[in-house]
Structure formats: C-alpha cells, structure tokens
Amino acid sequence: MIKSKVTLKKNSYVPFRNQIYEKLKDKILSNALAPGTIVTENELAQMFGTSRTPIREAIRHLQSEGLIEVIPKRGMLISRINPGELEKINELREIIHCHAIAKGILNITQADLNRIEKILEKAEGLLKSKDNAAKLAPLSIQFHQCILKMAGNDLFLTVDQYIGTQIKRYMVDLFSFEEGARTSWRHHREVVEAIKQQDAKLACQKMQEHIRWGTSFIRDHISV
C-alpha cells in the first residue's frame, strides 16, 4: 500500500502522464518502489491525486521499459531483473564503453578530465561517511556518461540510458555495501588513470573488469 502523496504541477507545460511517468520511474530507480512490490491503479491515482487515465498512460511507458509488469486482476508488479538479462545488458555496456574509450582517448581535453576528476573527488569524499548510497548512485551515472561522451556520439548515451535503466535500480543497493561502494569507485579511479596515460587498452580492460565485477556483485549480494 502506497501512503505518501505526490504533488503534480498543475500549471506546468508537462502533461500529467509525463510527470507521473518521471516520478514513478524515480521511485522505482531509487527503490522507493522496490522490485516485487505490487501497486494498483487506484493506489497510484490516490497517490498522485488524478484520474486513472494518466496513470495508465504512464504505466504503459514503464512497462515498455521493463520496469513494470501488469498482472491481471492484481495490479502492477515492480519487476525484478532477470540474471540472464543482466549479463546481456552488461555485455553490451562493455562494448559501448570500450568503443567510446578507444575512439575518444586521444582527443579528450583537460576540461573533460577535470569534470571527471570532480566527480571522483566528490564520490571519494562521500565514501568517508556511511549512508551515502543515494548520493553515490547519481555520481556513478555521471561518471559513466562522461566516459561515453568521449566518443563524440550522443547515440552512445541514448543506448546506455535505454539498456542501463534496469542496472540503475540496483546502484543504491550496491553502494549501501561498504565493500561495493569502495570497490566500484576504486575501479572508476583506475579507469581514469589509464585514460590520463592515453592507454586505451588498459582503460578498456579496467572498464571491463569493473562492469563484470558489478554484474557478479549484484547477482551475489542483491536479490534479483
């Protein structure tokens, strides 16, 4: 049962269905709506203070992304990621990250490196305290976006955003483990150090190790 209400912007140029979609997606990705949770249209309509029509439209969008499964006569199930699907997603993520590194490593600017360094420093500062998983997750997303931007091809970001949606749901859980958080950001640092040396082969190797480690950690420590 959902108890907290969500306020929509009535005077916004963004339609209710889009606002509902974005807010529901945020709740799913942050685990406020955890995998395995069942919600109904009526519960969501009460939560957002709307009719069920924009709720249904938002649900269709989330269903197409694999975040929600509709169960007849029961409601909507916040879907769990299939371990086999996790492997396939991260296999593709390896490919596009390594291609981005190989394509952009010789053209990366100091400004690009400075942006990445700021993300690393902020994350490394957060690692000194506990209970920062919710803050570390978006920084990890920003880090990977910076790496993909090296390719100079926005489609890399689009592809990763599409295939990586399922992975993002588990980032907060991963970073809630001290071992998970520290290992992940150590890997990020190793990738960047290789990029600074303009060693594309090493940077790709470190990125592959990082993504494969993440797959194993999620599978072994987090319910999927």
C-alpha atoms as a PDB file:
ATOM      1  CA  MET A   1       0.000   0.000   0.000  1.00  0.00           C
ATOM      2  CA  ILE A   2       1.337   3.427  -1.001  1.00  0.00           C
ATOM      3  CA  LYS A   3       0.793   6.023   1.707  1.00  0.00           C
ATOM      4  CA  SER A   4       2.742   9.115   0.668  1.00  0.00           C
ATOM      5  CA  LYS A   5       1.100  11.520  -1.763  1.00  0.00           C
ATOM      6  CA  VAL A   6       2.915  13.151  -4.662  1.00  0.00           C
ATOM      7  CA  THR A   7       2.102  16.670  -5.815  1.00  0.00           C
ATOM      8  CA  LEU A   8       1.910  17.312  -9.554  1.00  0.00           C
ATOM      9  CA  LYS A   9       2.492  20.736 -11.113  1.00  0.00           C
ATOM     10  CA  LYS A  10      -0.925  21.729 -12.424  1.00  0.00           C
ATOM     11  CA  ASN A  11       0.290  24.803 -14.294  1.00  0.00           C
ATOM     12  CA  SER A  12       3.264  23.029 -15.851  1.00  0.00           C
ATOM     13  CA  TYR A  13       3.556  22.617 -19.620  1.00  0.00           C
ATOM     14  CA  VAL A  14       4.467  18.985 -18.895  1.00  0.00           C
ATOM     15  CA  PRO A  15       1.341  16.755 -19.121  1.00  0.00           C
ATOM     16  CA  PHE A  16       0.279  14.823 -16.015  1.00  0.00           C
ATOM     17  CA  ARG A  17       1.078  11.486 -17.686  1.00  0.00           C
ATOM     18  CA  ASN A  18       4.682  12.603 -18.253  1.00  0.00           C
ATOM     19  CA  GLN A  19       5.051  13.930 -14.708  1.00  0.00           C
ATOM     20  CA  ILE A  20       3.608  10.696 -13.314  1.00  0.00           C
ATOM     21  CA  TYR A  21       5.918   8.627 -15.517  1.00  0.00           C
ATOM     22  CA  GLU A  22       9.015  10.541 -14.357  1.00  0.00           C
ATOM     23  CA  LYS A  23       8.062  10.429 -10.671  1.00  0.00           C
ATOM     24  CA  LEU A  24       7.191   6.736 -10.768  1.00  0.00           C
ATOM     25  CA  LYS A  25      10.414   5.962 -12.602  1.00  0.00           C
ATOM     26  CA  ASP A  26      12.393   7.899  -9.981  1.00  0.00           C
ATOM     27  CA  LYS A  27      10.693   5.901  -7.225  1.00  0.00           C
ATOM     28  CA  ILE A  28      11.495   2.626  -8.981  1.00  0.00           C
ATOM     29  CA  LEU A  29      15.126   3.522  -9.716  1.00  0.00           C
ATOM     30  CA  SER A  30      15.663   4.732  -6.136  1.00  0.00           C
ATOM     31  CA  ASN A  31      13.999   1.592  -4.727  1.00  0.00           C
ATOM     32  CA  ALA A  32      11.276   3.637  -3.025  1.00  0.00           C
ATOM     33  CA  LEU A  33       9.150   1.191  -5.037  1.00  0.00           C
ATOM     34  CA  ALA A  34      11.246  -1.941  -4.646  1.00  0.00           C
ATOM     35  CA  PRO A  35      11.316  -4.938  -7.015  1.00  0.00           C
ATOM     36  CA  GLY A  36       8.499  -7.325  -6.158  1.00  0.00           C
ATOM     37  CA  THR A  37       6.149  -4.589  -4.909  1.00  0.00           C
ATOM     38  CA  ILE A  38       2.590  -4.723  -6.246  1.00  0.00           C
ATOM     39  CA  VAL A  39       0.621  -1.497  -6.722  1.00  0.00           C
ATOM     40  CA  THR A  40      -2.825  -0.846  -8.175  1.00  0.00           C
ATOM     41  CA  GLU A  41      -4.169   1.875 -10.438  1.00  0.00           C
ATOM     42  CA  ASN A  42      -6.384   3.098  -7.608  1.00  0.00           C
ATOM     43  CA  GLU A  43      -3.436   3.384  -5.217  1.00  0.00           C
ATOM     44  CA  LEU A  44      -1.438   5.340  -7.791  1.00  0.00           C
ATOM     45  CA  ALA A  45      -4.412   7.572  -8.632  1.00  0.00           C
ATOM     46  CA  GLN A  46      -4.793   8.389  -4.926  1.00  0.00           C
ATOM     47  CA  MET A  47      -1.071   8.987  -4.564  1.00  0.00           C
ATOM     48  CA  PHE A  48      -0.992  11.471  -7.457  1.00  0.00           C
ATOM     49  CA  GLY A  49      -4.489  12.877  -6.937  1.00  0.00           C
ATOM     50  CA  THR A  50      -5.531  12.191 -10.534  1.00  0.00           C
ATOM     51  CA  SER A  51      -7.881  10.005 -12.521  1.00  0.00           C
ATOM     52  CA  ARG A  52      -6.668   6.604 -13.672  1.00  0.00           C
ATOM     53  CA  THR A  53      -6.256   7.684 -17.325  1.00  0.00           C
ATOM     54  CA  PRO A  54      -2.834   9.402 -16.971  1.00  0.00           C
ATOM     55  CA  ILE A  55      -1.798   6.599 -14.605  1.00  0.00           C
ATOM     56  CA  ARG A  56      -2.467   4.010 -17.312  1.00  0.00           C
ATOM     57  CA  GLU A  57      -0.515   6.012 -19.886  1.00  0.00           C
ATOM     58  CA  ALA A  58       2.487   6.274 -17.552  1.00  0.00           C
ATOM     59  CA  ILE A  59       2.269   2.554 -16.763  1.00  0.00           C
ATOM     60  CA  ARG A  60       2.367   1.651 -20.463  1.00  0.00           C
ATOM     61  CA  HIS A  61       5.589   3.632 -20.818  1.00  0.00           C
ATOM     62  CA  LEU A  62       7.176   1.971 -17.774  1.00  0.00           C
ATOM     63  CA  GLN A  63       6.001  -1.426 -18.988  1.00  0.00           C
ATOM     64  CA  SER A  64       7.750  -0.865 -22.325  1.00  0.00           C
ATOM     65  CA  GLU A  65      10.996  -0.236 -20.401  1.00  0.00           C
ATOM     66  CA  GLY A  66      10.618  -3.462 -18.453  1.00  0.00           C
ATOM     67  CA  LEU A  67      10.209  -1.709 -15.105  1.00  0.00           C
ATOM     68  CA  ILE A  68       6.607  -2.789 -14.503  1.00  0.00           C
ATOM     69  CA  GLU A  69       4.679  -5.970 -15.257  1.00  0.00           C
ATOM     70  CA  VAL A  70       0.882  -5.860 -15.411  1.00  0.00           C
ATOM     71  CA  ILE A  71      -0.759  -8.741 -13.547  1.00  0.00           C
ATOM     72  CA  PRO A  72      -4.446  -9.171 -14.468  1.00  0.00           C
ATOM     73  CA  LYS A  73      -6.841  -8.631 -11.525  1.00  0.00           C
ATOM     74  CA  ARG A  74      -3.947  -7.889  -9.155  1.00  0.00           C
ATOM     75  CA  GLY A  75      -2.224  -4.740 -10.307  1.00  0.00           C
ATOM     76  CA  MET A  76       1.258  -3.782 -11.374  1.00  0.00           C
ATOM     77  CA  LEU A  77       4.361  -5.636 -10.240  1.00  0.00           C
ATOM     78  CA  ILE A  78       7.615  -3.702  -9.947  1.00  0.00           C
ATOM     79  CA  SER A  79       9.674  -6.128 -11.987  1.00  0.00           C
ATOM     80  CA  ARG A  80      12.822  -7.907 -10.912  1.00  0.00           C
ATOM     81  CA  ILE A  81      15.770  -8.051 -13.259  1.00  0.00           C
ATOM     82  CA  ASN A  82      16.423 -11.443 -14.806  1.00  0.00           C
ATOM     83  CA  PRO A  83      20.010 -12.586 -14.033  1.00  0.00           C
ATOM     84  CA  GLY A  84      20.436 -13.691 -17.651  1.00  0.00           C
ATOM     85  CA  GLU A  85      19.215 -10.305 -18.856  1.00  0.00           C
ATOM     86  CA  LEU A  86      21.677  -8.630 -16.506  1.00  0.00           C
ATOM     87  CA  GLU A  87      24.548 -10.474 -18.213  1.00  0.00           C
ATOM     88  CA  LYS A  88      23.332  -9.436 -21.677  1.00  0.00           C
ATOM     89  CA  ILE A  89      22.891  -5.787 -20.682  1.00  0.00           C
ATOM     90  CA  ASN A  90      26.366  -5.535 -19.202  1.00  0.00           C
ATOM     91  CA  GLU A  91      27.919  -7.313 -22.178  1.00  0.00           C
ATOM     92  CA  LEU A  92      26.574  -4.532 -24.388  1.00  0.00           C
ATOM     93  CA  ARG A  93      27.649  -1.873 -21.879  1.00  0.00           C
ATOM     94  CA  GLU A  94      31.202  -3.231 -22.063  1.00  0.00           C
ATOM     95  CA  ILE A  95      31.190  -2.881 -25.842  1.00  0.00           C
ATOM     96  CA  ILE A  96      29.967   0.717 -25.981  1.00  0.00           C
ATOM     97  CA  HIS A  97      32.178   1.891 -23.113  1.00  0.00           C
ATOM     98  CA  CYS A  98      35.314   0.356 -24.640  1.00  0.00           C
ATOM     99  CA  HIS A  99      34.466   1.755 -28.060  1.00  0.00           C
ATOM    100  CA  ALA A 100      33.956   5.207 -26.549  1.00  0.00           C
ATOM    101  CA  ILE A 101      37.329   4.995 -24.813  1.00  0.00           C
ATOM    102  CA  ALA A 102      39.149   3.797 -27.941  1.00  0.00           C
ATOM    103  CA  LYS A 103      37.546   6.466 -30.100  1.00  0.00           C
ATOM    104  CA  GLY A 104      37.982   9.413 -27.772  1.00  0.00           C
ATOM    105  CA  ILE A 105      41.074   8.805 -25.671  1.00  0.00           C
ATOM    106  CA  LEU A 106      43.434  10.793 -27.896  1.00  0.00           C
ATOM    107  CA  ASN A 107      41.019  13.714 -28.163  1.00  0.00           C
ATOM    108  CA  ILE A 108      39.935  14.052 -24.545  1.00  0.00           C
ATOM    109  CA  THR A 109      40.552  17.567 -23.234  1.00  0.00           C
ATOM    110  CA  GLN A 110      41.810  18.773 -19.884  1.00  0.00           C
ATOM    111  CA  ALA A 111      38.351  20.221 -19.275  1.00  0.00           C
ATOM    112  CA  ASP A 112      36.880  16.737 -19.797  1.00  0.00           C
ATOM    113  CA  LEU A 113      39.358  15.235 -17.352  1.00  0.00           C
ATOM    114  CA  ASN A 114      38.651  17.990 -14.831  1.00  0.00           C
ATOM    115  CA  ARG A 115      34.925  17.193 -14.959  1.00  0.00           C
ATOM    116  CA  ILE A 116      35.594  13.513 -14.360  1.00  0.00           C
ATOM    117  CA  GLU A 117      38.072  14.318 -11.584  1.00  0.00           C
ATOM    118  CA  LYS A 118      35.480  16.449  -9.770  1.00  0.00           C
ATOM    119  CA  ILE A 119      33.030  13.546  -9.842  1.00  0.00           C
ATOM    120  CA  LEU A 120      35.688  11.188  -8.463  1.00  0.00           C
ATOM    121  CA  GLU A 121      36.724  13.592  -5.715  1.00  0.00           C
ATOM    122  CA  LYS A 122      33.137  14.169  -4.647  1.00  0.00           C
ATOM    123  CA  ALA A 123      32.476  10.423  -4.523  1.00  0.00           C
ATOM    124  CA  GLU A 124      35.703   9.712  -2.665  1.00  0.00           C
ATOM    125  CA  GLY A 125      34.697  12.333  -0.111  1.00  0.00           C
ATOM    126  CA  LEU A 126      31.310  10.682   0.362  1.00  0.00           C
ATOM    127  CA  LEU A 127      32.999   7.316   0.915  1.00  0.00           C
ATOM    128  CA  LYS A 128      34.438   8.664   4.167  1.00  0.00           C
ATOM    129  CA  SER A 129      30.961   8.618   5.706  1.00  0.00           C
ATOM    130  CA  LYS A 130      28.259   5.976   5.855  1.00  0.00           C
ATOM    131  CA  ASP A 131      24.710   6.100   4.462  1.00  0.00           C
ATOM    132  CA  ASN A 132      25.667   7.981   1.292  1.00  0.00           C
ATOM    133  CA  ALA A 133      24.462   5.333  -1.172  1.00  0.00           C
ATOM    134  CA  ALA A 134      21.697   7.572  -2.539  1.00  0.00           C
ATOM    135  CA  LYS A 135      24.269  10.300  -3.295  1.00  0.00           C
ATOM    136  CA  LEU A 136      26.861   7.949  -4.797  1.00  0.00           C
ATOM    137  CA  ALA A 137      24.469   6.363  -7.308  1.00  0.00           C
ATOM    138  CA  PRO A 138      23.847   9.510  -9.425  1.00  0.00           C
ATOM    139  CA  LEU A 139      27.567  10.304  -9.352  1.00  0.00           C
ATOM    140  CA  SER A 140      28.283   6.870 -10.816  1.00  0.00           C
ATOM    141  CA  ILE A 141      25.785   7.561 -13.592  1.00  0.00           C
ATOM    142  CA  GLN A 142      27.501  10.905 -14.285  1.00  0.00           C
ATOM    143  CA  PHE A 143      30.894   9.187 -14.391  1.00  0.00           C
ATOM    144  CA  HIS A 144      29.785   6.658 -16.992  1.00  0.00           C
ATOM    145  CA  GLN A 145      28.126   9.410 -19.033  1.00  0.00           C
ATOM    146  CA  CYS A 146      31.420  11.307 -19.123  1.00  0.00           C
ATOM    147  CA  ILE A 147      33.210   8.201 -20.402  1.00  0.00           C
ATOM    148  CA  LEU A 148      30.610   7.646 -23.127  1.00  0.00           C
ATOM    149  CA  LYS A 149      30.775  11.295 -24.196  1.00  0.00           C
ATOM    150  CA  MET A 150      34.395  10.676 -25.174  1.00  0.00           C
ATOM    151  CA  ALA A 151      33.091   9.010 -28.341  1.00  0.00           C
ATOM    152  CA  GLY A 152      31.547  12.275 -29.534  1.00  0.00           C
ATOM    153  CA  ASN A 153      28.398  10.359 -30.450  1.00  0.00           C
ATOM    154  CA  ASP A 154      25.203  11.079 -28.488  1.00  0.00           C
ATOM    155  CA  LEU A 155      23.769   7.721 -29.549  1.00  0.00           C
ATOM    156  CA  PHE A 156      26.152   6.048 -27.112  1.00  0.00           C
ATOM    157  CA  LEU A 157      24.424   7.905 -24.279  1.00  0.00           C
ATOM    158  CA  THR A 158      20.994   7.061 -25.670  1.00  0.00           C
ATOM    159  CA  VAL A 159      21.801   3.358 -25.909  1.00  0.00           C
ATOM    160  CA  ASP A 160      23.281   3.246 -22.406  1.00  0.00           C
ATOM    161  CA  GLN A 161      20.315   5.134 -20.978  1.00  0.00           C
ATOM    162  CA  TYR A 162      17.945   2.615 -22.531  1.00  0.00           C
ATOM    163  CA  ILE A 163      19.786  -0.589 -21.648  1.00  0.00           C
ATOM    164  CA  GLY A 164      21.095   0.677 -18.328  1.00  0.00           C
ATOM    165  CA  THR A 165      17.737   1.542 -16.777  1.00  0.00           C
ATOM    166  CA  GLN A 166      17.463  -1.855 -15.114  1.00  0.00           C
ATOM    167  CA  ILE A 167      21.003  -1.623 -13.723  1.00  0.00           C
ATOM    168  CA  LYS A 168      20.373   1.786 -12.154  1.00  0.00           C
ATOM    169  CA  ARG A 169      17.711   0.256  -9.909  1.00  0.00           C
ATOM    170  CA  TYR A 170      20.413  -1.699  -8.106  1.00  0.00           C
ATOM    171  CA  MET A 171      23.024   1.038  -7.754  1.00  0.00           C
ATOM    172  CA  VAL A 172      21.685   2.317  -4.434  1.00  0.00           C
ATOM    173  CA  ASP A 173      21.691  -1.251  -3.100  1.00  0.00           C
ATOM    174  CA  LEU A 174      25.224  -1.842  -4.381  1.00  0.00           C
ATOM    175  CA  PHE A 175      26.538   1.360  -2.789  1.00  0.00           C
ATOM    176  CA  SER A 176      24.815   0.534   0.501  1.00  0.00           C
ATOM    177  CA  PHE A 177      27.502  -2.144   0.926  1.00  0.00           C
ATOM    178  CA  GLU A 178      30.775  -0.521   2.010  1.00  0.00           C
ATOM    179  CA  GLU A 179      32.716  -3.117   0.015  1.00  0.00           C
ATOM    180  CA  GLY A 180      30.574  -2.442  -3.047  1.00  0.00           C
ATOM    181  CA  ALA A 181      30.951   1.327  -2.830  1.00  0.00           C
ATOM    182  CA  ARG A 182      34.704   1.342  -2.263  1.00  0.00           C
ATOM    183  CA  THR A 183      35.450  -1.268  -4.934  1.00  0.00           C
ATOM    184  CA  SER A 184      33.292   0.451  -7.531  1.00  0.00           C
ATOM    185  CA  TRP A 185      34.915   3.851  -7.060  1.00  0.00           C
ATOM    186  CA  ARG A 186      38.398   2.331  -6.960  1.00  0.00           C
ATOM    187  CA  HIS A 187      37.619   0.851 -10.373  1.00  0.00           C
ATOM    188  CA  HIS A 188      36.441   4.250 -11.609  1.00  0.00           C
ATOM    189  CA  ARG A 189      39.714   5.807 -10.462  1.00  0.00           C
ATOM    190  CA  GLU A 190      41.739   3.082 -12.235  1.00  0.00           C
ATOM    191  CA  VAL A 191      39.877   3.694 -15.500  1.00  0.00           C
ATOM    192  CA  VAL A 192      40.602   7.420 -15.313  1.00  0.00           C
ATOM    193  CA  GLU A 193      44.290   6.932 -14.516  1.00  0.00           C
ATOM    194  CA  ALA A 194      44.620   4.736 -17.622  1.00  0.00           C
ATOM    195  CA  ILE A 195      42.821   7.373 -19.701  1.00  0.00           C
ATOM    196  CA  LYS A 196      45.213  10.050 -18.427  1.00  0.00           C
ATOM    197  CA  GLN A 197      48.082   7.858 -19.663  1.00  0.00           C
ATOM    198  CA  GLN A 198      46.259   7.589 -23.020  1.00  0.00           C
ATOM    199  CA  ASP A 199      46.412   3.823 -22.663  1.00  0.00           C
ATOM    200  CA  ALA A 200      43.186   2.768 -24.377  1.00  0.00           C
ATOM    201  CA  LYS A 201      43.868  -0.955 -23.964  1.00  0.00           C
ATOM    202  CA  LEU A 202      44.380  -0.668 -20.199  1.00  0.00           C
ATOM    203  CA  ALA A 203      41.426   1.705 -19.763  1.00  0.00           C
ATOM    204  CA  CYS A 204      39.168  -0.719 -21.634  1.00  0.00           C
ATOM    205  CA  GLN A 205      40.476  -3.639 -19.575  1.00  0.00           C
ATOM    206  CA  LYS A 206      39.757  -1.767 -16.338  1.00  0.00           C
ATOM    207  CA  MET A 207      36.268  -0.826 -17.540  1.00  0.00           C
ATOM    208  CA  GLN A 208      35.504  -4.432 -18.495  1.00  0.00           C
ATOM    209  CA  GLU A 209      36.701  -5.636 -15.093  1.00  0.00           C
ATOM    210  CA  HIS A 210      34.536  -3.003 -13.414  1.00  0.00           C
ATOM    211  CA  ILE A 211      31.357  -3.886 -15.302  1.00  0.00           C
ATOM    212  CA  ARG A 212      31.894  -7.636 -14.844  1.00  0.00           C
ATOM    213  CA  TRP A 213      32.570  -7.162 -11.147  1.00  0.00           C
ATOM    214  CA  GLY A 214      29.339  -5.144 -10.842  1.00  0.00           C
ATOM    215  CA  THR A 215      27.382  -7.928 -12.532  1.00  0.00           C
ATOM    216  CA  SER A 216      28.782 -10.510 -10.116  1.00  0.00           C
ATOM    217  CA  PHE A 217      28.260  -8.312  -7.064  1.00  0.00           C
ATOM    218  CA  ILE A 218      24.623  -7.611  -7.901  1.00  0.00           C
ATOM    219  CA  ARG A 219      23.991 -11.285  -8.604  1.00  0.00           C
ATOM    220  CA  ASP A 220      25.700 -12.479  -5.400  1.00  0.00           C
ATOM    221  CA  HIS A 221      24.639  -9.817  -2.895  1.00  0.00           C
ATOM    222  CA  ILE A 222      21.358  -8.357  -4.112  1.00  0.00           C
ATOM    223  CA  SER A 223      18.066 -10.141  -4.707  1.00  0.00           C
ATOM    224  CA  VAL A 224      17.347 -10.124  -8.458  1.00  0.00           C
END
